[in-house]
Amino acid sequence: MSFVAAVGEKDIRAIMSFVLVTLVILPVLPNRALGPYESLNPFKIWLFVVLIVSLSLAGYVIYKFLGGKGRNDSGRCAWEE
């Protein structure tokens, strides 16, 4: 099965939400300290959100194309020598 044939509507939504978070919202945020004691930086906080979303999307893509294979071995790999 080709990549294009495997991509569905749900996959397109996941990719577009990542694009929205990364390329639309992130550049608009100010990269300076705000709030009490100047402890909050909106750009850095949103950069952390981008990291979480990208890890989630990567996990989703891996799960989608592996078809759930290897989930039973994932916990075992850390304990085997």
PDB file of N, CA and C in Angstrom:
ATOM      1  N   MET A   1       0.852  -1.172   0.000  1.00  0.00           N
ATOM      2  CA  MET A   1       0.000   0.000   0.000  1.00  0.00           C
ATOM      3  C   MET A   1       0.900   1.238   0.000  1.00  0.00           C
ATOM      4  N   SER A   2       0.597   2.187  -0.844  1.00  0.00           N
ATOM      5  CA  SER A   2       1.403   3.404  -0.930  1.00  0.00           C
ATOM      6  C   SER A   2       1.029   4.375   0.194  1.00  0.00           C
ATOM      7  N   PHE A   3       1.898   5.342   0.402  1.00  0.00           N
ATOM      8  CA  PHE A   3       1.681   6.338   1.453  1.00  0.00           C
ATOM      9  C   PHE A   3       0.417   7.142   1.198  1.00  0.00           C
ATOM     10  N   VAL A   4       0.214   7.544  -0.047  1.00  0.00           N
ATOM     11  CA  VAL A   4      -0.955   8.366  -0.389  1.00  0.00           C
ATOM     12  C   VAL A   4      -2.241   7.585  -0.182  1.00  0.00           C
ATOM     13  N   ALA A   5      -2.237   6.304  -0.510  1.00  0.00           N
ATOM     14  CA  ALA A   5      -3.438   5.490  -0.339  1.00  0.00           C
ATOM     15  C   ALA A   5      -3.742   5.255   1.137  1.00  0.00           C
ATOM     16  N   ALA A   6      -2.713   5.258   1.981  1.00  0.00           N
ATOM     17  CA  ALA A   6      -2.910   4.989   3.400  1.00  0.00           C
ATOM     18  C   ALA A   6      -3.372   6.212   4.185  1.00  0.00           C
ATOM     19  N   VAL A   7      -3.229   7.402   3.616  1.00  0.00           N
ATOM     20  CA  VAL A   7      -3.592   8.629   4.319  1.00  0.00           C
ATOM     21  C   VAL A   7      -5.091   8.860   4.197  1.00  0.00           C
ATOM     22  N   GLY A   8      -5.744   8.991   5.334  1.00  0.00           N
ATOM     23  CA  GLY A   8      -7.181   9.239   5.349  1.00  0.00           C
ATOM     24  C   GLY A   8      -7.494  10.630   5.873  1.00  0.00           C
ATOM     25  N   GLU A   9      -8.779  10.890   6.072  1.00  0.00           N
ATOM     26  CA  GLU A   9      -9.209  12.201   6.544  1.00  0.00           C
ATOM     27  C   GLU A   9      -8.684  12.498   7.950  1.00  0.00           C
ATOM     28  N   LYS A  10      -8.682  11.483   8.805  1.00  0.00           N
ATOM     29  CA  LYS A  10      -8.189  11.669  10.167  1.00  0.00           C
ATOM     30  C   LYS A  10      -6.691  12.007  10.158  1.00  0.00           C
ATOM     31  N   ASP A  11      -5.952  11.400   9.249  1.00  0.00           N
ATOM     32  CA  ASP A  11      -4.518  11.676   9.144  1.00  0.00           C
ATOM     33  C   ASP A  11      -4.271  13.100   8.672  1.00  0.00           C
ATOM     34  N   ILE A  12      -5.047  13.539   7.717  1.00  0.00           N
ATOM     35  CA  ILE A  12      -4.914  14.910   7.211  1.00  0.00           C
ATOM     36  C   ILE A  12      -5.216  15.916   8.319  1.00  0.00           C
ATOM     37  N   ARG A  13      -6.227  15.636   9.145  1.00  0.00           N
ATOM     38  CA  ARG A  13      -6.553  16.528  10.261  1.00  0.00           C
ATOM     39  C   ARG A  13      -5.406  16.593  11.269  1.00  0.00           C
ATOM     40  N   ALA A  14      -4.785  15.457  11.549  1.00  0.00           N
ATOM     41  CA  ALA A  14      -3.666  15.438  12.494  1.00  0.00           C
ATOM     42  C   ALA A  14      -2.493  16.244  11.946  1.00  0.00           C
ATOM     43  N   ILE A  15      -2.197  16.088  10.686  1.00  0.00           N
ATOM     44  CA  ILE A  15      -1.097  16.828  10.067  1.00  0.00           C
ATOM     45  C   ILE A  15      -1.412  18.316  10.023  1.00  0.00           C
ATOM     46  N   MET A  16      -2.634  18.667   9.686  1.00  0.00           N
ATOM     47  CA  MET A  16      -3.001  20.080   9.606  1.00  0.00           C
ATOM     48  C   MET A  16      -3.008  20.746  10.987  1.00  0.00           C
ATOM     49  N   SER A  17      -3.377  20.011  12.028  1.00  0.00           N
ATOM     50  CA  SER A  17      -3.308  20.598  13.374  1.00  0.00           C
ATOM     51  C   SER A  17      -1.854  20.844  13.766  1.00  0.00           C
ATOM     52  N   PHE A  18      -0.957  19.959  13.364  1.00  0.00           N
ATOM     53  CA  PHE A  18       0.469  20.182  13.623  1.00  0.00           C
ATOM     54  C   PHE A  18       0.965  21.407  12.859  1.00  0.00           C
ATOM     55  N   VAL A  19       0.540  21.547  11.613  1.00  0.00           N
ATOM     56  CA  VAL A  19       0.929  22.715  10.813  1.00  0.00           C
ATOM     57  C   VAL A  19       0.378  23.995  11.446  1.00  0.00           C
ATOM     58  N   LEU A  20      -0.846  23.959  11.909  1.00  0.00           N
ATOM     59  CA  LEU A  20      -1.449  25.125  12.555  1.00  0.00           C
ATOM     60  C   LEU A  20      -0.663  25.517  13.803  1.00  0.00           C
ATOM     61  N   VAL A  21      -0.358  24.545  14.638  1.00  0.00           N
ATOM     62  CA  VAL A  21       0.364  24.817  15.881  1.00  0.00           C
ATOM     63  C   VAL A  21       1.766  25.335  15.601  1.00  0.00           C
ATOM     64  N   THR A  22       2.420  24.774  14.599  1.00  0.00           N
ATOM     65  CA  THR A  22       3.825  25.095  14.350  1.00  0.00           C
ATOM     66  C   THR A  22       4.019  26.330  13.487  1.00  0.00           C
ATOM     67  N   LEU A  23       3.346  26.388  12.364  1.00  0.00           N
ATOM     68  CA  LEU A  23       3.633  27.422  11.379  1.00  0.00           C
ATOM     69  C   LEU A  23       2.724  28.644  11.442  1.00  0.00           C
ATOM     70  N   VAL A  24       1.607  28.552  12.151  1.00  0.00           N
ATOM     71  CA  VAL A  24       0.686  29.685  12.212  1.00  0.00           C
ATOM     72  C   VAL A  24       0.745  30.366  13.574  1.00  0.00           C
ATOM     73  N   ILE A  25       0.618  29.605  14.646  1.00  0.00           N
ATOM     74  CA  ILE A  25       0.528  30.201  15.973  1.00  0.00           C
ATOM     75  C   ILE A  25       1.902  30.563  16.526  1.00  0.00           C
ATOM     76  N   LEU A  26       2.882  29.686  16.383  1.00  0.00           N
ATOM     77  CA  LEU A  26       4.201  29.912  16.988  1.00  0.00           C
ATOM     78  C   LEU A  26       4.880  31.202  16.538  1.00  0.00           C
ATOM     79  N   PRO A  27       4.910  31.531  15.249  1.00  0.00           N
ATOM     80  CA  PRO A  27       5.590  32.772  14.852  1.00  0.00           C
ATOM     81  C   PRO A  27       4.916  34.053  15.340  1.00  0.00           C
ATOM     82  N   VAL A  28       3.648  33.984  15.686  1.00  0.00           N
ATOM     83  CA  VAL A  28       2.910  35.171  16.109  1.00  0.00           C
ATOM     84  C   VAL A  28       3.184  35.515  17.579  1.00  0.00           C
ATOM     85  N   LEU A  29       3.555  34.547  18.374  1.00  0.00           N
ATOM     86  CA  LEU A  29       3.744  34.772  19.806  1.00  0.00           C
ATOM     87  C   LEU A  29       4.995  35.592  20.093  1.00  0.00           C
ATOM     88  N   PRO A  30       4.912  36.469  21.087  1.00  0.00           N
ATOM     89  CA  PRO A  30       6.093  37.269  21.433  1.00  0.00           C
ATOM     90  C   PRO A  30       7.155  36.419  22.141  1.00  0.00           C
ATOM     91  N   ASN A  31       8.406  36.662  21.800  1.00  0.00           N
ATOM     92  CA  ASN A  31       9.511  35.930  22.415  1.00  0.00           C
ATOM     93  C   ASN A  31      10.178  36.828  23.465  1.00  0.00           C
ATOM     94  N   ARG A  32       9.409  37.162  24.480  1.00  0.00           N
ATOM     95  CA  ARG A  32       9.925  37.983  25.578  1.00  0.00           C
ATOM     96  C   ARG A  32       9.197  37.586  26.854  1.00  0.00           C
ATOM     97  N   ALA A  33       9.798  37.918  27.974  1.00  0.00           N
ATOM     98  CA  ALA A  33       9.233  37.551  29.269  1.00  0.00           C
ATOM     99  C   ALA A  33       8.024  38.432  29.592  1.00  0.00           C
ATOM    100  N   LEU A  34       6.983  37.789  30.092  1.00  0.00           N
ATOM    101  CA  LEU A  34       5.753  38.482  30.484  1.00  0.00           C
ATOM    102  C   LEU A  34       5.309  37.983  31.851  1.00  0.00           C
ATOM    103  N   GLY A  35       4.308  38.627  32.388  1.00  0.00           N
ATOM    104  CA  GLY A  35       3.695  38.154  33.621  1.00  0.00           C
ATOM    105  C   GLY A  35       4.415  38.627  34.863  1.00  0.00           C
ATOM    106  N   PRO A  36       3.946  38.127  36.006  1.00  0.00           N
ATOM    107  CA  PRO A  36       4.578  38.531  37.268  1.00  0.00           C
ATOM    108  C   PRO A  36       6.021  38.036  37.322  1.00  0.00           C
ATOM    109  N   TYR A  37       6.900  38.920  37.710  1.00  0.00           N
ATOM    110  CA  TYR A  37       8.323  38.621  37.806  1.00  0.00           C
ATOM    111  C   TYR A  37       8.945  38.242  36.461  1.00  0.00           C
ATOM    112  N   GLU A  38       8.259  38.553  35.392  1.00  0.00           N
ATOM    113  CA  GLU A  38       8.707  38.244  34.034  1.00  0.00           C
ATOM    114  C   GLU A  38       9.153  36.784  33.909  1.00  0.00           C
ATOM    115  N   SER A  39       8.303  35.895  34.375  1.00  0.00           N
ATOM    116  CA  SER A  39       8.658  34.479  34.416  1.00  0.00           C
ATOM    117  C   SER A  39       8.041  33.660  33.282  1.00  0.00           C
ATOM    118  N   LEU A  40       7.141  34.242  32.521  1.00  0.00           N
ATOM    119  CA  LEU A  40       6.470  33.495  31.455  1.00  0.00           C
ATOM    120  C   LEU A  40       6.879  34.034  30.086  1.00  0.00           C
ATOM    121  N   ASN A  41       7.334  33.137  29.231  1.00  0.00           N
ATOM    122  CA  ASN A  41       7.674  33.490  27.863  1.00  0.00           C
ATOM    123  C   ASN A  41       6.718  32.715  26.946  1.00  0.00           C
ATOM    124  N   PRO A  42       5.735  33.376  26.323  1.00  0.00           N
ATOM    125  CA  PRO A  42       4.749  32.675  25.509  1.00  0.00           C
ATOM    126  C   PRO A  42       5.365  31.846  24.375  1.00  0.00           C
ATOM    127  N   PHE A  43       6.418  32.350  23.769  1.00  0.00           N
ATOM    128  CA  PHE A  43       7.051  31.621  22.673  1.00  0.00           C
ATOM    129  C   PHE A  43       7.641  30.299  23.164  1.00  0.00           C
ATOM    130  N   LYS A  44       8.337  30.334  24.288  1.00  0.00           N
ATOM    131  CA  LYS A  44       8.952  29.117  24.814  1.00  0.00           C
ATOM    132  C   LYS A  44       7.913  28.129  25.329  1.00  0.00           C
ATOM    133  N   ILE A  45       6.842  28.634  25.908  1.00  0.00           N
ATOM    134  CA  ILE A  45       5.766  27.754  26.356  1.00  0.00           C
ATOM    135  C   ILE A  45       5.131  27.064  25.157  1.00  0.00           C
ATOM    136  N   TRP A  46       4.866  27.822  24.097  1.00  0.00           N
ATOM    137  CA  TRP A  46       4.246  27.234  22.911  1.00  0.00           C
ATOM    138  C   TRP A  46       5.212  26.303  22.181  1.00  0.00           C
ATOM    139  N   LEU A  47       6.511  26.562  22.277  1.00  0.00           N
ATOM    140  CA  LEU A  47       7.506  25.667  21.700  1.00  0.00           C
ATOM    141  C   LEU A  47       7.446  24.301  22.386  1.00  0.00           C
ATOM    142  N   PHE A  48       7.180  24.307  23.672  1.00  0.00           N
ATOM    143  CA  PHE A  48       6.987  23.047  24.388  1.00  0.00           C
ATOM    144  C   PHE A  48       5.725  22.336  23.897  1.00  0.00           C
ATOM    145  N   VAL A  49       4.668  23.085  23.624  1.00  0.00           N
ATOM    146  CA  VAL A  49       3.449  22.502  23.055  1.00  0.00           C
ATOM    147  C   VAL A  49       3.743  21.878  21.692  1.00  0.00           C
ATOM    148  N   VAL A  50       4.541  22.554  20.882  1.00  0.00           N
ATOM    149  CA  VAL A  50       4.929  22.011  19.575  1.00  0.00           C
ATOM    150  C   VAL A  50       5.691  20.704  19.747  1.00  0.00           C
ATOM    151  N   LEU A  51       6.570  20.632  20.735  1.00  0.00           N
ATOM    152  CA  LEU A  51       7.302  19.394  21.002  1.00  0.00           C
ATOM    153  C   LEU A  51       6.356  18.255  21.339  1.00  0.00           C
ATOM    154  N   ILE A  52       5.389  18.499  22.210  1.00  0.00           N
ATOM    155  CA  ILE A  52       4.430  17.471  22.610  1.00  0.00           C
ATOM    156  C   ILE A  52       3.582  17.026  21.421  1.00  0.00           C
ATOM    157  N   VAL A  53       3.100  17.978  20.628  1.00  0.00           N
ATOM    158  CA  VAL A  53       2.280  17.644  19.462  1.00  0.00           C
ATOM    159  C   VAL A  53       3.092  16.865  18.432  1.00  0.00           C
ATOM    160  N   SER A  54       4.355  17.229  18.227  1.00  0.00           N
ATOM    161  CA  SER A  54       5.174  16.515  17.254  1.00  0.00           C
ATOM    162  C   SER A  54       5.463  15.089  17.712  1.00  0.00           C
ATOM    163  N   LEU A  55       5.691  14.876  19.016  1.00  0.00           N
ATOM    164  CA  LEU A  55       5.870  13.514  19.517  1.00  0.00           C
ATOM    165  C   LEU A  55       4.596  12.696  19.363  1.00  0.00           C
ATOM    166  N   SER A  56       3.475  13.323  19.621  1.00  0.00           N
ATOM    167  CA  SER A  56       2.194  12.648  19.459  1.00  0.00           C
ATOM    168  C   SER A  56       1.937  12.285  17.998  1.00  0.00           C
ATOM    169  N   LEU A  57       2.221  13.210  17.098  1.00  0.00           N
ATOM    170  CA  LEU A  57       2.028  12.942  15.676  1.00  0.00           C
ATOM    171  C   LEU A  57       2.976  11.852  15.197  1.00  0.00           C
ATOM    172  N   ALA A  58       4.223  11.874  15.657  1.00  0.00           N
ATOM    173  CA  ALA A  58       5.177  10.833  15.271  1.00  0.00           C
ATOM    174  C   ALA A  58       4.713   9.461  15.758  1.00  0.00           C
ATOM    175  N   GLY A  59       4.217   9.398  16.979  1.00  0.00           N
ATOM    176  CA  GLY A  59       3.677   8.137  17.495  1.00  0.00           C
ATOM    177  C   GLY A  59       2.474   7.664  16.708  1.00  0.00           C
ATOM    178  N   TYR A  60       1.624   8.587  16.332  1.00  0.00           N
ATOM    179  CA  TYR A  60       0.442   8.239  15.536  1.00  0.00           C
ATOM    180  C   TYR A  60       0.838   7.694  14.169  1.00  0.00           C
ATOM    181  N   VAL A  61       1.811   8.345  13.531  1.00  0.00           N
ATOM    182  CA  VAL A  61       2.256   7.894  12.202  1.00  0.00           C
ATOM    183  C   VAL A  61       2.898   6.515  12.298  1.00  0.00           C
ATOM    184  N   ILE A  62       3.721   6.305  13.320  1.00  0.00           N
ATOM    185  CA  ILE A  62       4.353   4.997  13.497  1.00  0.00           C
ATOM    186  C   ILE A  62       3.293   3.927  13.733  1.00  0.00           C
ATOM    187  N   TYR A  63       2.334   4.217  14.585  1.00  0.00           N
ATOM    188  CA  TYR A  63       1.262   3.259  14.847  1.00  0.00           C
ATOM    189  C   TYR A  63       0.448   2.994  13.591  1.00  0.00           C
ATOM    190  N   LYS A  64       0.171   4.035  12.837  1.00  0.00           N
ATOM    191  CA  LYS A  64      -0.645   3.903  11.631  1.00  0.00           C
ATOM    192  C   LYS A  64       0.020   2.996  10.600  1.00  0.00           C
ATOM    193  N   PHE A  65       1.323   3.182  10.381  1.00  0.00           N
ATOM    194  CA  PHE A  65       1.985   2.441   9.322  1.00  0.00           C
ATOM    195  C   PHE A  65       2.546   1.107   9.773  1.00  0.00           C
ATOM    196  N   LEU A  66       2.719   0.895  11.067  1.00  0.00           N
ATOM    197  CA  LEU A  66       3.105  -0.426  11.544  1.00  0.00           C
ATOM    198  C   LEU A  66       1.882  -1.280  11.856  1.00  0.00           C
ATOM    199  N   GLY A  67       0.746  -0.644  11.940  1.00  0.00           N
ATOM    200  CA  GLY A  67      -0.486  -1.377  12.184  1.00  0.00           C
ATOM    201  C   GLY A  67      -0.575  -1.987  13.569  1.00  0.00           C
ATOM    202  N   GLY A  68       0.076  -1.379  14.536  1.00  0.00           N
ATOM    203  CA  GLY A  68       0.018  -1.892  15.896  1.00  0.00           C
ATOM    204  C   GLY A  68       1.003  -3.016  16.149  1.00  0.00           C
ATOM    205  N   LYS A  69       1.847  -3.349  15.208  1.00  0.00           N
ATOM    206  CA  LYS A  69       2.833  -4.413  15.393  1.00  0.00           C
ATOM    207  C   LYS A  69       3.905  -3.934  16.355  1.00  0.00           C
ATOM    208  N   GLY A  70       4.387  -4.840  17.175  1.00  0.00           N
ATOM    209  CA  GLY A  70       5.482  -4.529  18.062  1.00  0.00           C
ATOM    210  C   GLY A  70       5.068  -3.959  19.402  1.00  0.00           C
ATOM    211  N   ARG A  71       3.797  -3.751  19.624  1.00  0.00           N
ATOM    212  CA  ARG A  71       3.371  -3.202  20.906  1.00  0.00           C
ATOM    213  C   ARG A  71       3.618  -4.188  22.037  1.00  0.00           C
ATOM    214  N   ASN A  72       3.523  -5.477  21.774  1.00  0.00           N
ATOM    215  CA  ASN A  72       3.732  -6.466  22.823  1.00  0.00           C
ATOM    216  C   ASN A  72       5.191  -6.557  23.226  1.00  0.00           C
ATOM    217  N   ASP A  73       6.118  -6.242  22.325  1.00  0.00           N
ATOM    218  CA  ASP A  73       7.538  -6.340  22.621  1.00  0.00           C
ATOM    219  C   ASP A  73       8.109  -5.060  23.204  1.00  0.00           C
ATOM    220  N   SER A  74       7.379  -3.970  23.172  1.00  0.00           N
ATOM    221  CA  SER A  74       7.949  -2.682  23.573  1.00  0.00           C
ATOM    222  C   SER A  74       8.340  -2.652  25.045  1.00  0.00           C
ATOM    223  N   GLY A  75       7.594  -3.254  25.911  1.00  0.00           N
ATOM    224  CA  GLY A  75       7.946  -3.268  27.320  1.00  0.00           C
ATOM    225  C   GLY A  75       9.050  -4.253  27.639  1.00  0.00           C
ATOM    226  N   ARG A  76       9.132  -5.283  26.853  1.00  0.00           N
ATOM    227  CA  ARG A  76      10.120  -6.313  27.080  1.00  0.00           C
ATOM    228  C   ARG A  76      11.519  -5.884  26.678  1.00  0.00           C
ATOM    229  N   CYS A  77      11.653  -5.000  25.734  1.00  0.00           N
ATOM    230  CA  CYS A  77      12.960  -4.604  25.220  1.00  0.00           C
ATOM    231  C   CYS A  77      13.826  -3.946  26.284  1.00  0.00           C
ATOM    232  N   ALA A  78      13.248  -3.224  27.179  1.00  0.00           N
ATOM    233  CA  ALA A  78      14.030  -2.520  28.188  1.00  0.00           C
ATOM    234  C   ALA A  78      14.601  -3.473  29.242  1.00  0.00           C
ATOM    235  N   TRP A  79      13.999  -4.636  29.432  1.00  0.00           N
ATOM    236  CA  TRP A  79      14.428  -5.535  30.492  1.00  0.00           C
ATOM    237  C   TRP A  79      15.312  -6.671  30.007  1.00  0.00           C
ATOM    238  N   GLU A  80      15.337  -6.931  28.716  1.00  0.00           N
ATOM    239  CA  GLU A  80      16.159  -8.015  28.191  1.00  0.00           C
ATOM    240  C   GLU A  80      17.602  -7.570  28.034  1.00  0.00           C
ATOM    241  N   GLU A  81      18.502  -8.499  28.227  1.00  0.00           N
ATOM    242  CA  GLU A  81      19.923  -8.177  28.035  1.00  0.00           C
ATOM    243  C   GLU A  81      20.490  -8.991  26.911  1.00  0.00           C
TER     244      GLU A  81
END
